[in-house]
C-alpha atoms as a PDB file:
ATOM      1  CA  MET A   1       0.000   0.000   0.000  1.00  0.00           C
ATOM      2  CA  TYR A   2       1.266   3.434  -0.913  1.00  0.00           C
ATOM      3  CA  THR A   3       0.113   6.482   0.976  1.00  0.00           C
ATOM      4  CA  LEU A   4      -1.452   9.235  -1.102  1.00  0.00           C
ATOM      5  CA  CYS A   5      -0.391  12.807  -0.538  1.00  0.00           C
ATOM      6  CA  SER A   6      -3.513  14.659   0.490  1.00  0.00           C
ATOM      7  CA  TRP A   7      -6.051  14.373   3.265  1.00  0.00           C
ATOM      8  CA  ASP A   8      -8.659  14.987   0.551  1.00  0.00           C
ATOM      9  CA  ASN A   9      -7.674  11.612  -0.862  1.00  0.00           C
ATOM     10  CA  ALA A  10      -8.163   9.753   2.419  1.00  0.00           C
ATOM     11  CA  LEU A  11     -11.030   7.621   1.080  1.00  0.00           C
ATOM     12  CA  VAL A  12      -9.029   6.726  -2.016  1.00  0.00           C
ATOM     13  CA  CYS A  13      -6.104   5.791   0.221  1.00  0.00           C
ATOM     14  CA  VAL A  14      -8.256   3.482   2.350  1.00  0.00           C
ATOM     15  CA  CYS A  15      -9.733   1.869  -0.742  1.00  0.00           C
ATOM     16  CA  SER A  16      -6.241   1.223  -2.124  1.00  0.00           C
ATOM     17  CA  LEU A  17      -5.621  -1.119   0.809  1.00  0.00           C
ATOM     18  CA  PHE A  18      -8.085  -3.502  -0.781  1.00  0.00           C
ATOM     19  CA  PHE A  19      -8.152  -2.457  -4.446  1.00  0.00           C
ATOM     20  CA  PRO A  20      -4.606  -1.505  -5.558  1.00  0.00           C
ATOM     21  CA  MET A  21      -4.563   1.228  -8.203  1.00  0.00           C
ATOM     22  CA  SER A  22      -2.220   1.987 -11.050  1.00  0.00           C
ATOM     23  CA  LEU A  23      -0.549   5.394 -11.105  1.00  0.00           C
ATOM     24  CA  SER A  24      -2.906   6.510 -13.865  1.00  0.00           C
ATOM     25  CA  GLN A  25      -5.851   5.946 -11.501  1.00  0.00           C
ATOM     26  CA  ARG A  26      -4.349   7.845  -8.577  1.00  0.00           C
ATOM     27  CA  ALA A  27      -4.393  11.553  -7.840  1.00  0.00           C
ATOM     28  CA  TYR A  28      -1.331  13.488  -8.993  1.00  0.00           C
ATOM     29  CA  CYS A  29       1.359  13.885  -6.347  1.00  0.00           C
ATOM     30  CA  GLY A  30       4.687  15.580  -7.017  1.00  0.00           C
ATOM     31  CA  ARG A  31       7.607  16.547  -4.821  1.00  0.00           C
ATOM     32  CA  PHE A  32      10.663  18.721  -4.360  1.00  0.00           C
ATOM     33  CA  ALA A  33      13.415  16.948  -2.437  1.00  0.00           C
ATOM     34  CA  PRO A  34      16.374  19.172  -1.535  1.00  0.00           C
ATOM     35  CA  SER A  35      19.420  18.090   0.441  1.00  0.00           C
ATOM     36  CA  PRO A  36      20.175  20.381   3.406  1.00  0.00           C
ATOM     37  CA  THR A  37      23.820  20.895   2.452  1.00  0.00           C
ATOM     38  CA  GLY A  38      23.439  24.659   2.185  1.00  0.00           C
ATOM     39  CA  PRO A  39      20.910  27.392   1.386  1.00  0.00           C
ATOM     40  CA  LEU A  40      18.670  27.389  -1.677  1.00  0.00           C
ATOM     41  CA  HIS A  41      20.395  28.546  -4.870  1.00  0.00           C
ATOM     42  CA  PHE A  42      19.017  29.422  -8.307  1.00  0.00           C
ATOM     43  CA  GLY A  43      19.489  25.923  -9.738  1.00  0.00           C
ATOM     44  CA  SER A  44      17.436  24.428  -6.920  1.00  0.00           C
ATOM     45  CA  LEU A  45      14.817  27.155  -7.308  1.00  0.00           C
ATOM     46  CA  VAL A  46      14.349  26.181 -10.959  1.00  0.00           C
ATOM     47  CA  CYS A  47      13.695  22.563  -9.946  1.00  0.00           C
ATOM     48  CA  ALA A  48      11.367  23.591  -7.128  1.00  0.00           C
ATOM     49  CA  LEU A  49       9.364  25.896  -9.389  1.00  0.00           C
ATOM     50  CA  ALA A  50       9.093  23.293 -12.160  1.00  0.00           C
ATOM     51  CA  SER A  51       7.774  20.617  -9.806  1.00  0.00           C
ATOM     52  CA  PHE A  52       5.434  23.104  -8.119  1.00  0.00           C
ATOM     53  CA  LEU A  53       3.962  24.331 -11.411  1.00  0.00           C
ATOM     54  CA  ASP A  54       3.497  20.786 -12.688  1.00  0.00           C
ATOM     55  CA  ALA A  55       1.564  19.858  -9.552  1.00  0.00           C
ATOM     56  CA  ARG A  56      -0.623  22.952  -9.759  1.00  0.00           C
ATOM     57  CA  ALA A  57      -1.231  22.460 -13.490  1.00  0.00           C
ATOM     58  CA  HIS A  58      -2.467  18.939 -12.718  1.00  0.00           C
ATOM     59  CA  ASN A  59      -4.572  20.206  -9.789  1.00  0.00           C
ATOM     60  CA  GLY A  60      -2.482  17.863  -7.691  1.00  0.00           C
ATOM     61  CA  THR A  61      -0.585  17.721  -4.428  1.00  0.00           C
ATOM     62  CA  TRP A  62       2.946  19.053  -3.979  1.00  0.00           C
ATOM     63  CA  LEU A  63       5.150  17.997  -1.101  1.00  0.00           C
ATOM     64  CA  ILE A  64       8.619  18.775   0.173  1.00  0.00           C
ATOM     65  CA  ARG A  65      10.933  16.031   1.379  1.00  0.00           C
ATOM     66  CA  ILE A  66      14.243  16.872   3.053  1.00  0.00           C
ATOM     67  CA  GLU A  67      16.842  14.361   1.854  1.00  0.00           C
ATOM     68  CA  ASP A  68      19.147  14.406   4.866  1.00  0.00           C
ATOM     69  CA  ILE A  69      20.654  10.924   4.722  1.00  0.00           C
ATOM     70  CA  ASP A  70      24.235  12.200   4.397  1.00  0.00           C
ATOM     71  CA  PRO A  71      24.984  13.784   7.811  1.00  0.00           C
ATOM     72  CA  PRO A  72      28.658  14.566   7.057  1.00  0.00           C
ATOM     73  CA  ARG A  73      27.510  16.924   4.281  1.00  0.00           C
ATOM     74  CA  ASP A  74      24.443  18.385   6.003  1.00  0.00           C
ATOM     75  CA  VAL A  75      24.650  21.971   7.242  1.00  0.00           C
ATOM     76  CA  PRO A  76      22.856  22.661  10.542  1.00  0.00           C
ATOM     77  CA  GLY A  77      19.815  24.853   9.967  1.00  0.00           C
ATOM     78  CA  ALA A  78      19.954  24.542   6.165  1.00  0.00           C
ATOM     79  CA  ASP A  79      16.659  22.638   6.034  1.00  0.00           C
ATOM     80  CA  GLN A  80      14.794  25.429   7.806  1.00  0.00           C
ATOM     81  CA  ALA A  81      16.522  28.060   5.670  1.00  0.00           C
ATOM     82  CA  ILE A  82      15.419  26.243   2.488  1.00  0.00           C
ATOM     83  CA  LEU A  83      11.824  25.946   3.698  1.00  0.00           C
ATOM     84  CA  LYS A  84      11.776  29.611   4.709  1.00  0.00           C
ATOM     85  CA  THR A  85      13.078  30.743   1.317  1.00  0.00           C
ATOM     86  CA  LEU A  86      10.544  28.595  -0.538  1.00  0.00           C
ATOM     87  CA  ALA A  87       7.722  29.990   1.593  1.00  0.00           C
ATOM     88  CA  ARG A  88       8.885  33.540   0.873  1.00  0.00           C
ATOM     89  CA  LEU A  89       8.639  32.663  -2.820  1.00  0.00           C
ATOM     90  CA  GLY A  90       5.096  31.316  -2.394  1.00  0.00           C
ATOM     91  CA  MET A  91       5.841  27.583  -2.340  1.00  0.00           C
ATOM     92  CA  THR A  92       4.868  25.549   0.710  1.00  0.00           C
ATOM     93  CA  SER A  93       4.278  21.828   1.066  1.00  0.00           C
ATOM     94  CA  ASP A  94       0.652  20.700   0.924  1.00  0.00           C
ATOM     95  CA  VAL A  95       1.372  18.113   3.625  1.00  0.00           C
ATOM     96  CA  PRO A  96       3.792  18.052   6.567  1.00  0.00           C
ATOM     97  CA  VAL A  97       7.435  18.000   5.470  1.00  0.00           C
ATOM     98  CA  VAL A  98       9.171  14.668   5.978  1.00  0.00           C
ATOM     99  CA  ARG A  99      12.869  13.966   6.447  1.00  0.00           C
ATOM    100  CA  GLN A 100      14.706  10.915   5.202  1.00  0.00           C
ATOM    101  CA  SER A 101      16.619  10.708   8.493  1.00  0.00           C
ATOM    102  CA  GLN A 102      13.326   9.705  10.122  1.00  0.00           C
ATOM    103  CA  ARG A 103      12.626   6.902   7.648  1.00  0.00           C
ATOM    104  CA  TYR A 104      15.468   4.422   8.135  1.00  0.00           C
ATOM    105  CA  ALA A 105      13.075   1.630   9.127  1.00  0.00           C
ATOM    106  CA  LEU A 106      11.459   1.835   5.688  1.00  0.00           C
ATOM    107  CA  TYR A 107      14.834   1.431   3.992  1.00  0.00           C
ATOM    108  CA  GLU A 108      15.695  -1.525   6.231  1.00  0.00           C
ATOM    109  CA  GLU A 109      12.471  -3.252   5.224  1.00  0.00           C
ATOM    110  CA  ALA A 110      13.158  -2.657   1.525  1.00  0.00           C
ATOM    111  CA  LEU A 111      16.674  -4.037   1.952  1.00  0.00           C
ATOM    112  CA  ARG A 112      15.279  -7.117   3.687  1.00  0.00           C
ATOM    113  CA  ARG A 113      12.965  -7.766   0.744  1.00  0.00           C
ATOM    114  CA  LEU A 114      15.800  -7.429  -1.756  1.00  0.00           C
ATOM    115  CA  ILE A 115      17.986  -9.789   0.297  1.00  0.00           C
ATOM    116  CA  GLN A 116      15.164 -12.353   0.340  1.00  0.00           C
ATOM    117  CA  GLN A 117      15.232 -12.271  -3.469  1.00  0.00           C
ATOM    118  CA  GLY A 118      18.963 -13.009  -3.506  1.00  0.00           C
ATOM    119  CA  LEU A 119      19.731  -9.663  -5.130  1.00  0.00           C
ATOM    120  CA  VAL A 120      22.079  -8.169  -2.530  1.00  0.00           C
ATOM    121  CA  TYR A 121      25.726  -8.947  -1.822  1.00  0.00           C
ATOM    122  CA  GLY A 122      28.504  -7.449   0.248  1.00  0.00           C
ATOM    123  CA  CYS A 123      31.307  -5.580  -1.495  1.00  0.00           C
ATOM    124  CA  ALA A 124      34.801  -5.292  -0.009  1.00  0.00           C
ATOM    125  CA  CYS A 125      36.175  -2.995  -2.716  1.00  0.00           C
ATOM    126  CA  SER A 126      37.780   0.363  -2.093  1.00  0.00           C
ATOM    127  CA  ARG A 127      37.435   3.131  -4.665  1.00  0.00           C
ATOM    128  CA  LYS A 128      41.122   2.750  -5.499  1.00  0.00           C
ATOM    129  CA  GLU A 129      40.720  -0.956  -6.187  1.00  0.00           C
ATOM    130  CA  ILE A 130      37.667  -0.380  -8.370  1.00  0.00           C
ATOM    131  CA  ALA A 131      39.474   2.320 -10.359  1.00  0.00           C
ATOM    132  CA  ALA A 132      42.455   0.018 -10.964  1.00  0.00           C
ATOM    133  CA  VAL A 133      40.266  -2.777 -12.346  1.00  0.00           C
ATOM    134  CA  GLN A 134      38.287  -0.314 -14.471  1.00  0.00           C
ATOM    135  CA  THR A 135      41.531   0.912 -16.007  1.00  0.00           C
ATOM    136  CA  GLU A 136      42.744  -2.644 -16.592  1.00  0.00           C
ATOM    137  CA  LEU A 137      39.484  -3.639 -18.303  1.00  0.00           C
ATOM    138  CA  GLY A 138      39.018  -0.358 -20.166  1.00  0.00           C
ATOM    139  CA  LEU A 139      35.724   0.381 -18.426  1.00  0.00           C
ATOM    140  CA  PRO A 140      34.261   3.852 -17.823  1.00  0.00           C
ATOM    141  CA  SER A 141      34.713   5.193 -14.297  1.00  0.00           C
ATOM    142  CA  HIS A 142      30.997   4.816 -13.473  1.00  0.00           C
ATOM    143  CA  VAL A 143      30.752   1.087 -14.299  1.00  0.00           C
ATOM    144  CA  TYR A 144      31.375  -1.329 -11.423  1.00  0.00           C
ATOM    145  CA  PRO A 145      33.477  -4.221 -12.782  1.00  0.00           C
ATOM    146  CA  GLY A 146      31.863  -6.916 -10.626  1.00  0.00           C
ATOM    147  CA  ILE A 147      34.890  -7.656  -8.443  1.00  0.00           C
ATOM    148  CA  CYS A 148      32.864  -8.980  -5.488  1.00  0.00           C
ATOM    149  CA  ARG A 149      29.913 -10.369  -7.415  1.00  0.00           C
ATOM    150  CA  ASN A 150      30.907 -13.924  -6.592  1.00  0.00           C
ATOM    151  CA  GLY A 151      32.203 -13.256  -3.088  1.00  0.00           C
ATOM    152  CA  THR A 152      34.663 -11.102  -1.170  1.00  0.00           C
ATOM    153  CA  HIS A 153      37.220 -13.927  -0.865  1.00  0.00           C
ATOM    154  CA  GLY A 154      37.422 -13.629   2.902  1.00  0.00           C
ATOM    155  CA  ARG A 155      37.616  -9.860   3.079  1.00  0.00           C
ATOM    156  CA  PRO A 156      35.024  -8.002   5.203  1.00  0.00           C
ATOM    157  CA  ALA A 157      32.235  -6.359   3.253  1.00  0.00           C
ATOM    158  CA  ARG A 158      32.276  -2.556   3.192  1.00  0.00           C
ATOM    159  CA  SER A 159      29.101  -1.758   1.269  1.00  0.00           C
ATOM    160  CA  LEU A 160      26.041  -3.543  -0.092  1.00  0.00           C
ATOM    161  CA  ARG A 161      25.346  -3.778  -3.820  1.00  0.00           C
ATOM    162  CA  ILE A 162      22.344  -4.926  -5.796  1.00  0.00           C
ATOM    163  CA  ARG A 163      22.881  -7.492  -8.523  1.00  0.00           C
ATOM    164  CA  THR A 164      21.756  -6.106 -11.876  1.00  0.00           C
ATOM    165  CA  SER A 165      20.799  -8.198 -14.878  1.00  0.00           C
ATOM    166  CA  ASP A 166      21.534  -8.206 -18.594  1.00  0.00           C
ATOM    167  CA  GLU A 167      18.370  -6.396 -19.623  1.00  0.00           C
ATOM    168  CA  VAL A 168      17.471  -2.990 -20.977  1.00  0.00           C
ATOM    169  CA  VAL A 169      15.567  -0.730 -18.596  1.00  0.00           C
ATOM    170  CA  GLY A 170      13.968   2.243 -20.290  1.00  0.00           C
ATOM    171  CA  PHE A 171      11.307   4.905 -19.966  1.00  0.00           C
ATOM    172  CA  THR A 172       9.903   7.874 -21.849  1.00  0.00           C
ATOM    173  CA  ASP A 173      10.705  11.203 -20.275  1.00  0.00           C
ATOM    174  CA  ARG A 174       8.136  13.967 -20.727  1.00  0.00           C
ATOM    175  CA  ARG A 175      10.806  16.338 -22.031  1.00  0.00           C
ATOM    176  CA  CYS A 176      13.814  14.270 -23.088  1.00  0.00           C
ATOM    177  CA  GLY A 177      11.965  11.430 -24.801  1.00  0.00           C
ATOM    178  CA  SER A 178      13.085   7.783 -24.729  1.00  0.00           C
ATOM    179  CA  PHE A 179      16.031   6.832 -22.549  1.00  0.00           C
ATOM    180  CA  SER A 180      17.316   3.370 -21.673  1.00  0.00           C
ATOM    181  CA  GLU A 181      20.323   1.537 -20.266  1.00  0.00           C
ATOM    182  CA  ASN A 182      21.503  -2.023 -19.977  1.00  0.00           C
ATOM    183  CA  LEU A 183      22.298  -1.807 -16.275  1.00  0.00           C
ATOM    184  CA  GLU A 184      24.681  -4.760 -16.150  1.00  0.00           C
ATOM    185  CA  ARG A 185      26.743  -3.345 -19.025  1.00  0.00           C
ATOM    186  CA  ASP A 186      26.306   0.415 -18.604  1.00  0.00           C
ATOM    187  CA  VAL A 187      26.282   0.739 -14.795  1.00  0.00           C
ATOM    188  CA  GLY A 188      27.098  -2.551 -13.139  1.00  0.00           C
ATOM    189  CA  ASP A 189      25.901  -3.635  -9.712  1.00  0.00           C
ATOM    190  CA  PHE A 190      25.306  -0.417  -7.792  1.00  0.00           C
ATOM    191  CA  VAL A 191      25.530   0.464  -4.105  1.00  0.00           C
ATOM    192  CA  ILE A 192      22.359   0.567  -2.008  1.00  0.00           C
ATOM    193  CA  LYS A 193      24.090   0.886   1.374  1.00  0.00           C
ATOM    194  CA  ARG A 194      27.370   2.735   1.593  1.00  0.00           C
ATOM    195  CA  ALA A 195      30.660   1.709   3.170  1.00  0.00           C
ATOM    196  CA  ASP A 196      30.124   4.282   5.941  1.00  0.00           C
ATOM    197  CA  GLY A 197      26.829   2.605   6.864  1.00  0.00           C
ATOM    198  CA  LEU A 198      24.652   5.326   5.350  1.00  0.00           C
ATOM    199  CA  TRP A 199      21.810   4.601   2.945  1.00  0.00           C
ATOM    200  CA  ALA A 200      22.503   5.198  -0.723  1.00  0.00           C
ATOM    201  CA  TYR A 201      20.407   7.754  -2.587  1.00  0.00           C
ATOM    202  CA  GLN A 202      19.093   5.243  -5.123  1.00  0.00           C
ATOM    203  CA  LEU A 203      17.351   3.042  -2.569  1.00  0.00           C
ATOM    204  CA  ALA A 204      16.114   5.842  -0.316  1.00  0.00           C
ATOM    205  CA  VAL A 205      14.539   7.876  -3.106  1.00  0.00           C
ATOM    206  CA  VAL A 206      12.759   4.841  -4.560  1.00  0.00           C
ATOM    207  CA  VAL A 207      11.309   3.826  -1.193  1.00  0.00           C
ATOM    208  CA  ASP A 208      10.236   7.376  -0.349  1.00  0.00           C
ATOM    209  CA  ASP A 209       8.616   8.069  -3.714  1.00  0.00           C
ATOM    210  CA  ALA A 210       6.596   4.867  -3.450  1.00  0.00           C
ATOM    211  CA  GLU A 211       5.656   5.265   0.207  1.00  0.00           C
ATOM    212  CA  GLN A 212       4.598   8.881  -0.322  1.00  0.00           C
ATOM    213  CA  GLY A 213       2.510   8.065  -3.382  1.00  0.00           C
ATOM    214  CA  ILE A 214       4.552  10.123  -5.831  1.00  0.00           C
ATOM    215  CA  THR A 215       3.036   9.841  -9.307  1.00  0.00           C
ATOM    216  CA  ASP A 216       5.245  12.386 -11.114  1.00  0.00           C
ATOM    217  CA  VAL A 217       8.898  13.273 -10.584  1.00  0.00           C
ATOM    218  CA  VAL A 218      10.109  16.614 -11.949  1.00  0.00           C
ATOM    219  CA  ARG A 219      13.844  17.205 -11.461  1.00  0.00           C
ATOM    220  CA  GLY A 220      17.085  18.206 -13.187  1.00  0.00           C
ATOM    221  CA  GLU A 221      18.351  16.351 -16.239  1.00  0.00           C
ATOM    222  CA  ASP A 222      21.578  15.466 -14.406  1.00  0.00           C
ATOM    223  CA  LEU A 223      19.496  12.705 -12.808  1.00  0.00           C
ATOM    224  CA  LEU A 224      18.200  11.336 -16.118  1.00  0.00           C
ATOM    225  CA  ASP A 225      20.666   8.445 -16.129  1.00  0.00           C
ATOM    226  CA  ASN A 226      19.805   7.587 -12.520  1.00  0.00           C
ATOM    227  CA  THR A 227      16.259   6.761 -13.535  1.00  0.00           C
ATOM    228  CA  PRO A 228      16.806   3.250 -15.019  1.00  0.00           C
ATOM    229  CA  ARG A 229      18.454   2.209 -11.732  1.00  0.00           C
ATOM    230  CA  GLN A 230      15.475   3.510  -9.821  1.00  0.00           C
ATOM    231  CA  ILE A 231      13.012   1.792 -12.144  1.00  0.00           C
ATOM    232  CA  PHE A 232      14.966  -1.450 -11.682  1.00  0.00           C
ATOM    233  CA  LEU A 233      14.578  -1.139  -7.903  1.00  0.00           C
ATOM    234  CA  GLN A 234      10.905  -0.227  -8.254  1.00  0.00           C
ATOM    235  CA  ARG A 235      10.280  -3.401 -10.218  1.00  0.00           C
ATOM    236  CA  LYS A 236      12.161  -5.599  -7.757  1.00  0.00           C
ATOM    237  CA  LEU A 237      10.244  -4.080  -4.824  1.00  0.00           C
ATOM    238  CA  GLY A 238       6.856  -4.191  -6.553  1.00  0.00           C
ATOM    239  CA  TYR A 239       6.478  -0.409  -6.610  1.00  0.00           C
ATOM    240  CA  PRO A 240       4.740   1.563  -9.362  1.00  0.00           C
ATOM    241  CA  THR A 241       6.927   3.683 -11.633  1.00  0.00           C
ATOM    242  CA  PRO A 242       6.134   7.409 -11.679  1.00  0.00           C
ATOM    243  CA  GLN A 243       6.186   9.573 -14.755  1.00  0.00           C
ATOM    244  CA  TYR A 244       9.405  11.545 -15.129  1.00  0.00           C
ATOM    245  CA  LEU A 245      10.174  15.022 -16.414  1.00  0.00           C
ATOM    246  CA  HIS A 246      13.823  16.071 -16.400  1.00  0.00           C
ATOM    247  CA  ILE A 247      14.342  19.790 -16.917  1.00  0.00           C
ATOM    248  CA  ALA A 248      17.321  21.675 -18.336  1.00  0.00           C
ATOM    249  CA  LEU A 249      19.947  22.550 -15.756  1.00  0.00           C
ATOM    250  CA  ALA A 250      20.815  26.061 -14.690  1.00  0.00           C
ATOM    251  CA  LEU A 251      24.519  26.572 -15.464  1.00  0.00           C
ATOM    252  CA  ASP A 252      27.125  29.051 -14.287  1.00  0.00           C
ATOM    253  CA  GLY A 253      29.363  31.157 -16.508  1.00  0.00           C
ATOM    254  CA  HIS A 254      31.745  28.207 -16.974  1.00  0.00           C
ATOM    255  CA  GLY A 255      29.008  25.856 -18.155  1.00  0.00           C
ATOM    256  CA  GLN A 256      28.923  23.965 -14.866  1.00  0.00           C
ATOM    257  CA  LYS A 257      25.718  23.000 -13.103  1.00  0.00           C
ATOM    258  CA  LEU A 258      24.754  25.471 -10.402  1.00  0.00           C
ATOM    259  CA  SER A 259      25.170  23.525  -7.183  1.00  0.00           C
ATOM    260  CA  LYS A 260      26.479  23.797  -3.671  1.00  0.00           C
ATOM    261  CA  GLN A 261      29.610  21.948  -4.797  1.00  0.00           C
ATOM    262  CA  THR A 262      30.329  24.709  -7.348  1.00  0.00           C
ATOM    263  CA  HIS A 263      29.610  27.382  -4.726  1.00  0.00           C
ATOM    264  CA  ALA A 264      26.370  28.643  -6.243  1.00  0.00           C
ATOM    265  CA  PRO A 265      25.298  31.741  -4.293  1.00  0.00           C
ATOM    266  CA  ALA A 266      22.309  31.672  -1.971  1.00  0.00           C
ATOM    267  CA  ILE A 267      19.148  33.456  -3.081  1.00  0.00           C
ATOM    268  CA  ASP A 268      17.534  33.964   0.316  1.00  0.00           C
ATOM    269  CA  ASN A 269      17.902  37.763   0.282  1.00  0.00           C
ATOM    270  CA  GLU A 270      16.979  38.474  -3.329  1.00  0.00           C
ATOM    271  CA  ASP A 271      13.701  39.948  -4.601  1.00  0.00           C
ATOM    272  CA  PRO A 272      11.110  37.143  -4.973  1.00  0.00           C
ATOM    273  CA  LEU A 273       9.586  38.386  -8.232  1.00  0.00           C
ATOM    274  CA  VAL A 274      12.978  38.887  -9.842  1.00  0.00           C
ATOM    275  CA  LEU A 275      13.923  35.330  -8.912  1.00  0.00           C
ATOM    276  CA  LEU A 276      10.622  33.800 -10.002  1.00  0.00           C
ATOM    277  CA  ASN A 277      10.604  35.592 -13.343  1.00  0.00           C
ATOM    278  CA  ALA A 278      14.210  34.540 -13.984  1.00  0.00           C
ATOM    279  CA  ALA A 279      13.410  30.911 -13.134  1.00  0.00           C
ATOM    280  CA  ALA A 280      10.373  30.954 -15.428  1.00  0.00           C
ATOM    281  CA  LEU A 281      12.499  32.344 -18.244  1.00  0.00           C
ATOM    282  CA  HIS A 282      15.020  29.539 -17.763  1.00  0.00           C
ATOM    283  CA  LEU A 283      12.179  27.001 -17.914  1.00  0.00           C
ATOM    284  CA  GLY A 284      11.146  28.333 -21.314  1.00  0.00           C
ATOM    285  CA  LEU A 285       7.981  30.014 -20.082  1.00  0.00           C
ATOM    286  CA  GLY A 286       8.914  33.372 -21.563  1.00  0.00           C
ATOM    287  CA  SER A 287       9.396  36.778 -19.952  1.00  0.00           C
ATOM    288  CA  LEU A 288       6.375  36.925 -17.674  1.00  0.00           C
ATOM    289  CA  ASN A 289       7.399  40.180 -15.962  1.00  0.00           C
ATOM    290  CA  ALA A 290       4.640  39.721 -13.399  1.00  0.00           C
ATOM    291  CA  LYS A 291       4.184  42.492 -10.876  1.00  0.00           C
ATOM    292  CA  THR A 292       2.760  40.383  -8.039  1.00  0.00           C
ATOM    293  CA  PRO A 293       3.327  36.777  -6.915  1.00  0.00           C
ATOM    294  CA  GLN A 294      -0.329  35.974  -7.607  1.00  0.00           C
ATOM    295  CA  ALA A 295      -0.048  37.276 -11.169  1.00  0.00           C
ATOM    296  CA  PHE A 296       3.211  35.389 -11.644  1.00  0.00           C
ATOM    297  CA  TYR A 297       1.833  32.020 -10.594  1.00  0.00           C
ATOM    298  CA  ALA A 298      -1.345  32.460 -12.647  1.00  0.00           C
ATOM    299  CA  ALA A 299       0.634  33.237 -15.795  1.00  0.00           C
ATOM    300  CA  ALA A 300       3.351  30.659 -15.141  1.00  0.00           C
ATOM    301  CA  GLN A 301       0.834  27.877 -14.595  1.00  0.00           C
ATOM    302  CA  GLU A 302      -0.931  28.768 -17.838  1.00  0.00           C
ATOM    303  CA  TYR A 303       2.328  28.686 -19.809  1.00  0.00           C
ATOM    304  CA  TRP A 304       3.396  25.449 -18.107  1.00  0.00           C
ATOM    305  CA  THR A 305       0.095  23.811 -19.034  1.00  0.00           C
ATOM    306  CA  GLU A 306       0.533  24.816 -22.677  1.00  0.00           C
ATOM    307  CA  LYS A 307       4.119  23.535 -22.715  1.00  0.00           C
ATOM    308  CA  TYR A 308       3.771  20.205 -20.900  1.00  0.00           C
ATOM    309  CA  LEU A 309       0.100  19.231 -20.617  1.00  0.00           C
ATOM    310  CA  ASP A 310      -1.582  20.227 -23.857  1.00  0.00           C
END
């Protein structure tokens, strides 16, 4: 059973306990899921606005999930700063905000189910060892060469990997079109629990999207090639697959993605309408030049509907 995202859908949620529904039968639910590794920057604003507009255009529910499963990188107070900035820009979650750090039991249960299927194995490899074998075999740096697939040969396991298969996993993105990968060849067996004991993004995001009833994922196109891995996990766990829309990234003057790693500046003190109009322009919605937040969102939703729903 997957929980829907609105109290208005409570009856539908109860019914789904007994009559499981496909995603096409369920009310739209989208999300914005920032990591609290620093304040909101323009690149994150673009993603937040895109997901918010898509939810509103579908007359659906929009939620915020704080993805705080990497404590060494988290900045104290960043989650509240992000929520405050979003609220100042007119975007608030339709349901109480959840945090991944409070959901470890859900990830443990998903891991247990994958282990029962014989899909999980321990990996003793260090990054240095993996890189050496990749070089020897002429593999790209993102493809795990399967060193521990048949055992760690007496060495203690550091991380947990999921065993992929020789099959093509694909989907049709609402903006980018068809995309597919042969996971065994193009990615290899990927980590679902890290060597430091923390949960890997791929597993956590799949569990959370399913448990929160997410029907549509709108996010940056840098995550496009993550999607086949997530669909693979969804299938193994019996979860429905959402629709995906990967938007163009906001780049800096050097052509790099705006991110906290590239020191993108915070936007918490900038004029809301200036920011919103700039984000809409980046999303291809034109120069709205709205004078009030209400006028901005009315116009932006109309343009979004024409671009992605009609």
